[in-house]
Structure formats: structure tokens, C-alpha cells
Amino acid sequence: MEIIARVPDPALARSLIVALRAYGFNPVDDTEGGLPGYTDPFFGKGIPIRVPEEEAEDCRVLAEDLLKEMLAR
């Protein structure tokens, strides 16, 4: 698995995961569990979005575009 993005908001992370799945990618949903409002306690960079290594390159490009669009609203 490879991290393709880090998202600061759990709701945004879930939305991105759903969108990536709609495009046929297979991201891991790590947004469930843990303490509410407490993400990535070691680095503080947000919720990691992970996909299989063979999908990472294409998925990273799509995720960046989707995040730009989601954050612009």
C-alpha cells in the first residue's frame, strides 16, 4: 500500500475514498476508529489515503484533482 494523499478532515477523507472507488480504484478506508478529531498523532499531517502500489501513480493524479475541486467549494 502507498499513501497518495493526506487529508485534514475525516469527512473530506471519506468523500475522497468514495470518489476514488467510483473511478475503480481500491483505497483503504482508515477513517473509521480512533478518537474523534485526533488524526495522525505522530506527524499531524492528516488522514492518509492509501491505495495498492500498482494503482498509486494514476490514483495520485486523480486524487489531487478531486481534492482541488472539493476544497474550492
PDB file of N, CA and C in Angstrom:
ATOM      1  N   MET A   1       0.845  -1.179   0.000  1.00  0.00           N
ATOM      2  CA  MET A   1       0.000   0.000   0.000  1.00  0.00           C
ATOM      3  C   MET A   1       0.891   1.243   0.000  1.00  0.00           C
ATOM      4  N   GLU A   2       0.396   2.271  -0.651  1.00  0.00           N
ATOM      5  CA  GLU A   2       1.144   3.518  -0.754  1.00  0.00           C
ATOM      6  C   GLU A   2       0.222   4.693  -0.433  1.00  0.00           C
ATOM      7  N   ILE A   3       0.747   5.643   0.322  1.00  0.00           N
ATOM      8  CA  ILE A   3      -0.021   6.844   0.648  1.00  0.00           C
ATOM      9  C   ILE A   3       0.038   7.783  -0.550  1.00  0.00           C
ATOM     10  N   ILE A   4      -1.138   8.181  -1.054  1.00  0.00           N
ATOM     11  CA  ILE A   4      -1.186   9.085  -2.205  1.00  0.00           C
ATOM     12  C   ILE A   4      -1.572  10.504  -1.810  1.00  0.00           C
ATOM     13  N   ALA A   5      -2.147  10.658  -0.619  1.00  0.00           N
ATOM     14  CA  ALA A   5      -2.568  11.982  -0.152  1.00  0.00           C
ATOM     15  C   ALA A   5      -2.782  11.931   1.352  1.00  0.00           C
ATOM     16  N   ARG A   6      -2.779  13.103   1.959  1.00  0.00           N
ATOM     17  CA  ARG A   6      -3.149  13.245   3.372  1.00  0.00           C
ATOM     18  C   ARG A   6      -4.216  14.323   3.441  1.00  0.00           C
ATOM     19  N   VAL A   7      -5.305  13.988   4.103  1.00  0.00           N
ATOM     20  CA  VAL A   7      -6.466  14.875   4.143  1.00  0.00           C
ATOM     21  C   VAL A   7      -6.730  15.277   5.593  1.00  0.00           C
ATOM     22  N   PRO A   8      -6.883  16.581   5.868  1.00  0.00           N
ATOM     23  CA  PRO A   8      -7.032  17.040   7.247  1.00  0.00           C
ATOM     24  C   PRO A   8      -8.384  16.740   7.892  1.00  0.00           C
ATOM     25  N   ASP A   9      -9.414  16.545   7.092  1.00  0.00           N
ATOM     26  CA  ASP A   9     -10.780  16.412   7.602  1.00  0.00           C
ATOM     27  C   ASP A   9     -11.318  15.001   7.346  1.00  0.00           C
ATOM     28  N   PRO A  10     -11.810  14.307   8.378  1.00  0.00           N
ATOM     29  CA  PRO A  10     -12.343  12.948   8.187  1.00  0.00           C
ATOM     30  C   PRO A  10     -13.483  12.874   7.171  1.00  0.00           C
ATOM     31  N   ALA A  11     -14.355  13.868   7.139  1.00  0.00           N
ATOM     32  CA  ALA A  11     -15.462  13.859   6.173  1.00  0.00           C
ATOM     33  C   ALA A  11     -14.929  13.998   4.747  1.00  0.00           C
ATOM     34  N   LEU A  12     -13.929  14.833   4.567  1.00  0.00           N
ATOM     35  CA  LEU A  12     -13.316  15.005   3.255  1.00  0.00           C
ATOM     36  C   LEU A  12     -12.592  13.722   2.841  1.00  0.00           C
ATOM     37  N   ALA A  13     -11.943  13.070   3.796  1.00  0.00           N
ATOM     38  CA  ALA A  13     -11.259  11.808   3.507  1.00  0.00           C
ATOM     39  C   ALA A  13     -12.261  10.750   3.043  1.00  0.00           C
ATOM     40  N   ARG A  14     -13.393  10.651   3.732  1.00  0.00           N
ATOM     41  CA  ARG A  14     -14.423   9.678   3.333  1.00  0.00           C
ATOM     42  C   ARG A  14     -14.955   9.983   1.941  1.00  0.00           C
ATOM     43  N   SER A  15     -15.187  11.261   1.658  1.00  0.00           N
ATOM     44  CA  SER A  15     -15.683  11.669   0.339  1.00  0.00           C
ATOM     45  C   SER A  15     -14.676  11.326  -0.754  1.00  0.00           C
ATOM     46  N   LEU A  16     -13.406  11.560  -0.488  1.00  0.00           N
ATOM     47  CA  LEU A  16     -12.365  11.242  -1.465  1.00  0.00           C
ATOM     48  C   LEU A  16     -12.287   9.739  -1.703  1.00  0.00           C
ATOM     49  N   ILE A  17     -12.371   8.955  -0.642  1.00  0.00           N
ATOM     50  CA  ILE A  17     -12.332   7.495  -0.771  1.00  0.00           C
ATOM     51  C   ILE A  17     -13.496   7.000  -1.620  1.00  0.00           C
ATOM     52  N   VAL A  18     -14.690   7.523  -1.380  1.00  0.00           N
ATOM     53  CA  VAL A  18     -15.868   7.130  -2.170  1.00  0.00           C
ATOM     54  C   VAL A  18     -15.674   7.513  -3.635  1.00  0.00           C
ATOM     55  N   ALA A  19     -15.170   8.716  -3.882  1.00  0.00           N
ATOM     56  CA  ALA A  19     -14.951   9.167  -5.258  1.00  0.00           C
ATOM     57  C   ALA A  19     -13.916   8.291  -5.967  1.00  0.00           C
ATOM     58  N   LEU A  20     -12.839   7.955  -5.273  1.00  0.00           N
ATOM     59  CA  LEU A  20     -11.812   7.106  -5.885  1.00  0.00           C
ATOM     60  C   LEU A  20     -12.366   5.721  -6.200  1.00  0.00           C
ATOM     61  N   ARG A  21     -13.193   5.195  -5.319  1.00  0.00           N
ATOM     62  CA  ARG A  21     -13.830   3.896  -5.586  1.00  0.00           C
ATOM     63  C   ARG A  21     -14.751   3.976  -6.799  1.00  0.00           C
ATOM     64  N   ALA A  22     -15.446   5.098  -6.956  1.00  0.00           N
ATOM     65  CA  ALA A  22     -16.337   5.278  -8.107  1.00  0.00           C
ATOM     66  C   ALA A  22     -15.557   5.254  -9.421  1.00  0.00           C
ATOM     67  N   TYR A  23     -14.297   5.648  -9.376  1.00  0.00           N
ATOM     68  CA  TYR A  23     -13.442   5.615 -10.560  1.00  0.00           C
ATOM     69  C   TYR A  23     -12.732   4.271 -10.722  1.00  0.00           C
ATOM     70  N   GLY A  24     -13.011   3.316  -9.843  1.00  0.00           N
ATOM     71  CA  GLY A  24     -12.459   1.973  -9.981  1.00  0.00           C
ATOM     72  C   GLY A  24     -11.191   1.693  -9.199  1.00  0.00           C
ATOM     73  N   PHE A  25     -10.769   2.635  -8.365  1.00  0.00           N
ATOM     74  CA  PHE A  25      -9.587   2.408  -7.536  1.00  0.00           C
ATOM     75  C   PHE A  25     -10.002   1.726  -6.235  1.00  0.00           C
ATOM     76  N   ASN A  26      -9.022   1.234  -5.488  1.00  0.00           N
ATOM     77  CA  ASN A  26      -9.295   0.465  -4.275  1.00  0.00           C
ATOM     78  C   ASN A  26      -8.608   1.054  -3.046  1.00  0.00           C
ATOM     79  N   PRO A  27      -9.002   2.258  -2.626  1.00  0.00           N
ATOM     80  CA  PRO A  27      -8.386   2.841  -1.430  1.00  0.00           C
ATOM     81  C   PRO A  27      -8.835   2.124  -0.161  1.00  0.00           C
ATOM     82  N   VAL A  28      -7.952   2.133   0.830  1.00  0.00           N
ATOM     83  CA  VAL A  28      -8.263   1.555   2.133  1.00  0.00           C
ATOM     84  C   VAL A  28      -8.978   2.621   2.953  1.00  0.00           C
ATOM     85  N   ASP A  29     -10.060   2.248   3.617  1.00  0.00           N
ATOM     86  CA  ASP A  29     -10.805   3.202   4.443  1.00  0.00           C
ATOM     87  C   ASP A  29     -10.304   3.118   5.878  1.00  0.00           C
ATOM     88  N   ASP A  30      -9.374   4.007   6.218  1.00  0.00           N
ATOM     89  CA  ASP A  30      -8.818   4.072   7.576  1.00  0.00           C
ATOM     90  C   ASP A  30      -9.494   5.147   8.412  1.00  0.00           C
ATOM     91  N   THR A  31     -10.587   5.723   7.904  1.00  0.00           N
ATOM     92  CA  THR A  31     -11.217   6.834   8.619  1.00  0.00           C
ATOM     93  C   THR A  31     -12.056   6.377   9.793  1.00  0.00           C
ATOM     94  N   GLU A  32     -12.369   5.104   9.877  1.00  0.00           N
ATOM     95  CA  GLU A  32     -13.165   4.593  10.992  1.00  0.00           C
ATOM     96  C   GLU A  32     -12.255   4.261  12.164  1.00  0.00           C
ATOM     97  N   GLY A  33     -12.738   4.481  13.356  1.00  0.00           N
ATOM     98  CA  GLY A  33     -11.968   4.142  14.552  1.00  0.00           C
ATOM     99  C   GLY A  33     -11.134   5.319  15.028  1.00  0.00           C
ATOM    100  N   GLY A  34     -10.433   5.122  16.108  1.00  0.00           N
ATOM    101  CA  GLY A  34      -9.620   6.183  16.676  1.00  0.00           C
ATOM    102  C   GLY A  34     -10.455   7.162  17.470  1.00  0.00           C
ATOM    103  N   LEU A  35      -9.829   8.212  17.907  1.00  0.00           N
ATOM    104  CA  LEU A  35     -10.507   9.238  18.688  1.00  0.00           C
ATOM    105  C   LEU A  35     -11.027  10.335  17.767  1.00  0.00           C
ATOM    106  N   PRO A  36     -12.234  10.818  17.987  1.00  0.00           N
ATOM    107  CA  PRO A  36     -12.784  11.875  17.140  1.00  0.00           C
ATOM    108  C   PRO A  36     -11.912  13.129  17.160  1.00  0.00           C
ATOM    109  N   GLY A  37     -11.637  13.658  15.982  1.00  0.00           N
ATOM    110  CA  GLY A  37     -10.851  14.878  15.879  1.00  0.00           C
ATOM    111  C   GLY A  37      -9.367  14.703  16.124  1.00  0.00           C
ATOM    112  N   TYR A  38      -8.900  13.474  16.264  1.00  0.00           N
ATOM    113  CA  TYR A  38      -7.498  13.224  16.573  1.00  0.00           C
ATOM    114  C   TYR A  38      -6.930  12.318  15.492  1.00  0.00           C
ATOM    115  N   THR A  39      -6.321  12.926  14.485  1.00  0.00           N
ATOM    116  CA  THR A  39      -5.797  12.152  13.368  1.00  0.00           C
ATOM    117  C   THR A  39      -4.284  12.233  13.324  1.00  0.00           C
ATOM    118  N   ASP A  40      -3.655  11.176  12.916  1.00  0.00           N
ATOM    119  CA  ASP A  40      -2.212  11.094  12.719  1.00  0.00           C
ATOM    120  C   ASP A  40      -1.437  11.704  13.890  1.00  0.00           C
ATOM    121  N   PRO A  41      -1.480  11.077  15.058  1.00  0.00           N
ATOM    122  CA  PRO A  41      -0.867  11.651  16.256  1.00  0.00           C
ATOM    123  C   PRO A  41       0.645  11.814  16.167  1.00  0.00           C
ATOM    124  N   PHE A  42       1.294  11.093  15.267  1.00  0.00           N
ATOM    125  CA  PHE A  42       2.749  11.157  15.201  1.00  0.00           C
ATOM    126  C   PHE A  42       3.258  12.299  14.330  1.00  0.00           C
ATOM    127  N   PHE A  43       2.562  12.579  13.236  1.00  0.00           N
ATOM    128  CA  PHE A  43       3.065  13.578  12.303  1.00  0.00           C
ATOM    129  C   PHE A  43       2.129  14.765  12.106  1.00  0.00           C
ATOM    130  N   GLY A  44       0.847  14.616  12.443  1.00  0.00           N
ATOM    131  CA  GLY A  44      -0.097  15.714  12.340  1.00  0.00           C
ATOM    132  C   GLY A  44      -0.364  16.212  10.932  1.00  0.00           C
ATOM    133  N   LYS A  45      -0.168  15.368   9.945  1.00  0.00           N
ATOM    134  CA  LYS A  45      -0.332  15.791   8.555  1.00  0.00           C
ATOM    135  C   LYS A  45      -1.694  15.432   7.994  1.00  0.00           C
ATOM    136  N   GLY A  46      -2.542  14.820   8.764  1.00  0.00           N
ATOM    137  CA  GLY A  46      -3.868  14.465   8.282  1.00  0.00           C
ATOM    138  C   GLY A  46      -4.054  12.976   8.096  1.00  0.00           C
ATOM    139  N   ILE A  47      -5.217  12.632   7.584  1.00  0.00           N
ATOM    140  CA  ILE A  47      -5.585  11.230   7.387  1.00  0.00           C
ATOM    141  C   ILE A  47      -4.944  10.729   6.097  1.00  0.00           C
ATOM    142  N   PRO A  48      -4.153   9.670   6.164  1.00  0.00           N
ATOM    143  CA  PRO A  48      -3.528   9.159   4.940  1.00  0.00           C
ATOM    144  C   PRO A  48      -4.539   8.405   4.079  1.00  0.00           C
ATOM    145  N   ILE A  49      -4.491   8.649   2.778  1.00  0.00           N
ATOM    146  CA  ILE A  49      -5.294   7.917   1.808  1.00  0.00           C
ATOM    147  C   ILE A  49      -4.338   6.934   1.146  1.00  0.00           C
ATOM    148  N   ARG A  50      -4.620   5.640   1.341  1.00  0.00           N
ATOM    149  CA  ARG A  50      -3.712   4.599   0.844  1.00  0.00           C
ATOM    150  C   ARG A  50      -4.392   3.755  -0.224  1.00  0.00           C
ATOM    151  N   VAL A  51      -3.602   3.402  -1.242  1.00  0.00           N
ATOM    152  CA  VAL A  51      -4.077   2.523  -2.314  1.00  0.00           C
ATOM    153  C   VAL A  51      -2.994   1.486  -2.596  1.00  0.00           C
ATOM    154  N   PRO A  52      -3.352   0.392  -3.287  1.00  0.00           N
ATOM    155  CA  PRO A  52      -2.327  -0.574  -3.681  1.00  0.00           C
ATOM    156  C   PRO A  52      -1.252   0.108  -4.543  1.00  0.00           C
ATOM    157  N   GLU A  53      -0.016  -0.342  -4.411  1.00  0.00           N
ATOM    158  CA  GLU A  53       1.109   0.283  -5.114  1.00  0.00           C
ATOM    159  C   GLU A  53       0.898   0.365  -6.620  1.00  0.00           C
ATOM    160  N   GLU A  54       0.292  -0.664  -7.208  1.00  0.00           N
ATOM    161  CA  GLU A  54       0.113  -0.672  -8.663  1.00  0.00           C
ATOM    162  C   GLU A  54      -0.902   0.374  -9.139  1.00  0.00           C
ATOM    163  N   GLU A  55      -1.707   0.911  -8.241  1.00  0.00           N
ATOM    164  CA  GLU A  55      -2.694   1.943  -8.585  1.00  0.00           C
ATOM    165  C   GLU A  55      -2.213   3.343  -8.218  1.00  0.00           C
ATOM    166  N   ALA A  56      -1.153   3.437  -7.461  1.00  0.00           N
ATOM    167  CA  ALA A  56      -0.762   4.698  -6.823  1.00  0.00           C
ATOM    168  C   ALA A  56      -0.515   5.840  -7.799  1.00  0.00           C
ATOM    169  N   GLU A  57       0.205   5.600  -8.869  1.00  0.00           N
ATOM    170  CA  GLU A  57       0.567   6.684  -9.784  1.00  0.00           C
ATOM    171  C   GLU A  57      -0.671   7.339 -10.404  1.00  0.00           C
ATOM    172  N   ASP A  58      -1.550   6.535 -10.979  1.00  0.00           N
ATOM    173  CA  ASP A  58      -2.764   7.071 -11.606  1.00  0.00           C
ATOM    174  C   ASP A  58      -3.718   7.650 -10.568  1.00  0.00           C
ATOM    175  N   CYS A  59      -3.834   6.976  -9.449  1.00  0.00           N
ATOM    176  CA  CYS A  59      -4.762   7.401  -8.407  1.00  0.00           C
ATOM    177  C   CYS A  59      -4.320   8.724  -7.780  1.00  0.00           C
ATOM    178  N   ARG A  60      -3.020   8.932  -7.658  1.00  0.00           N
ATOM    179  CA  ARG A  60      -2.496  10.172  -7.072  1.00  0.00           C
ATOM    180  C   ARG A  60      -2.916  11.385  -7.913  1.00  0.00           C
ATOM    181  N   VAL A  61      -2.812  11.253  -9.234  1.00  0.00           N
ATOM    182  CA  VAL A  61      -3.198  12.350 -10.130  1.00  0.00           C
ATOM    183  C   VAL A  61      -4.678  12.674  -9.964  1.00  0.00           C
ATOM    184  N   LEU A  62      -5.514  11.639  -9.958  1.00  0.00           N
ATOM    185  CA  LEU A  62      -6.954  11.836  -9.797  1.00  0.00           C
ATOM    186  C   LEU A  62      -7.271  12.434  -8.426  1.00  0.00           C
ATOM    187  N   ALA A  63      -6.643  11.915  -7.377  1.00  0.00           N
ATOM    188  CA  ALA A  63      -6.899  12.409  -6.020  1.00  0.00           C
ATOM    189  C   ALA A  63      -6.545  13.889  -5.892  1.00  0.00           C
ATOM    190  N   GLU A  64      -5.438  14.303  -6.486  1.00  0.00           N
ATOM    191  CA  GLU A  64      -5.049  15.718  -6.429  1.00  0.00           C
ATOM    192  C   GLU A  64      -6.098  16.595  -7.096  1.00  0.00           C
ATOM    193  N   ASP A  65      -6.577  16.168  -8.271  1.00  0.00           N
ATOM    194  CA  ASP A  65      -7.608  16.939  -8.977  1.00  0.00           C
ATOM    195  C   ASP A  65      -8.913  16.981  -8.187  1.00  0.00           C
ATOM    196  N   LEU A  66      -9.307  15.838  -7.640  1.00  0.00           N
ATOM    197  CA  LEU A  66     -10.546  15.791  -6.862  1.00  0.00           C
ATOM    198  C   LEU A  66     -10.454  16.669  -5.617  1.00  0.00           C
ATOM    199  N   LEU A  67      -9.316  16.624  -4.928  1.00  0.00           N
ATOM    200  CA  LEU A  67      -9.146  17.447  -3.725  1.00  0.00           C
ATOM    201  C   LEU A  67      -9.197  18.936  -4.053  1.00  0.00           C
ATOM    202  N   LYS A  68      -8.572  19.334  -5.161  1.00  0.00           N
ATOM    203  CA  LYS A  68      -8.627  20.744  -5.566  1.00  0.00           C
ATOM    204  C   LYS A  68     -10.074  21.173  -5.770  1.00  0.00           C
ATOM    205  N   GLU A  69     -10.832  20.317  -6.457  1.00  0.00           N
ATOM    206  CA  GLU A  69     -12.230  20.632  -6.721  1.00  0.00           C
ATOM    207  C   GLU A  69     -13.054  20.656  -5.429  1.00  0.00           C
ATOM    208  N   MET A  70     -12.820  19.687  -4.545  1.00  0.00           N
ATOM    209  CA  MET A  70     -13.571  19.616  -3.287  1.00  0.00           C
ATOM    210  C   MET A  70     -13.260  20.804  -2.380  1.00  0.00           C
ATOM    211  N   LEU A  71     -12.014  21.216  -2.329  1.00  0.00           N
ATOM    212  CA  LEU A  71     -11.611  22.310  -1.442  1.00  0.00           C
ATOM    213  C   LEU A  71     -11.988  23.681  -1.994  1.00  0.00           C
ATOM    214  N   ALA A  72     -12.248  23.758  -3.288  1.00  0.00           N
ATOM    215  CA  ALA A  72     -12.620  25.030  -3.907  1.00  0.00           C
ATOM    216  C   ALA A  72     -14.058  25.422  -3.587  1.00  0.00           C
ATOM    217  N   ARG A  73     -14.837  24.478  -3.109  1.00  0.00           N
ATOM    218  CA  ARG A  73     -16.261  24.751  -2.839  1.00  0.00           C
ATOM    219  C   ARG A  73     -16.485  25.249  -1.450  1.00  0.00           C
TER     220      ARG A  73
END
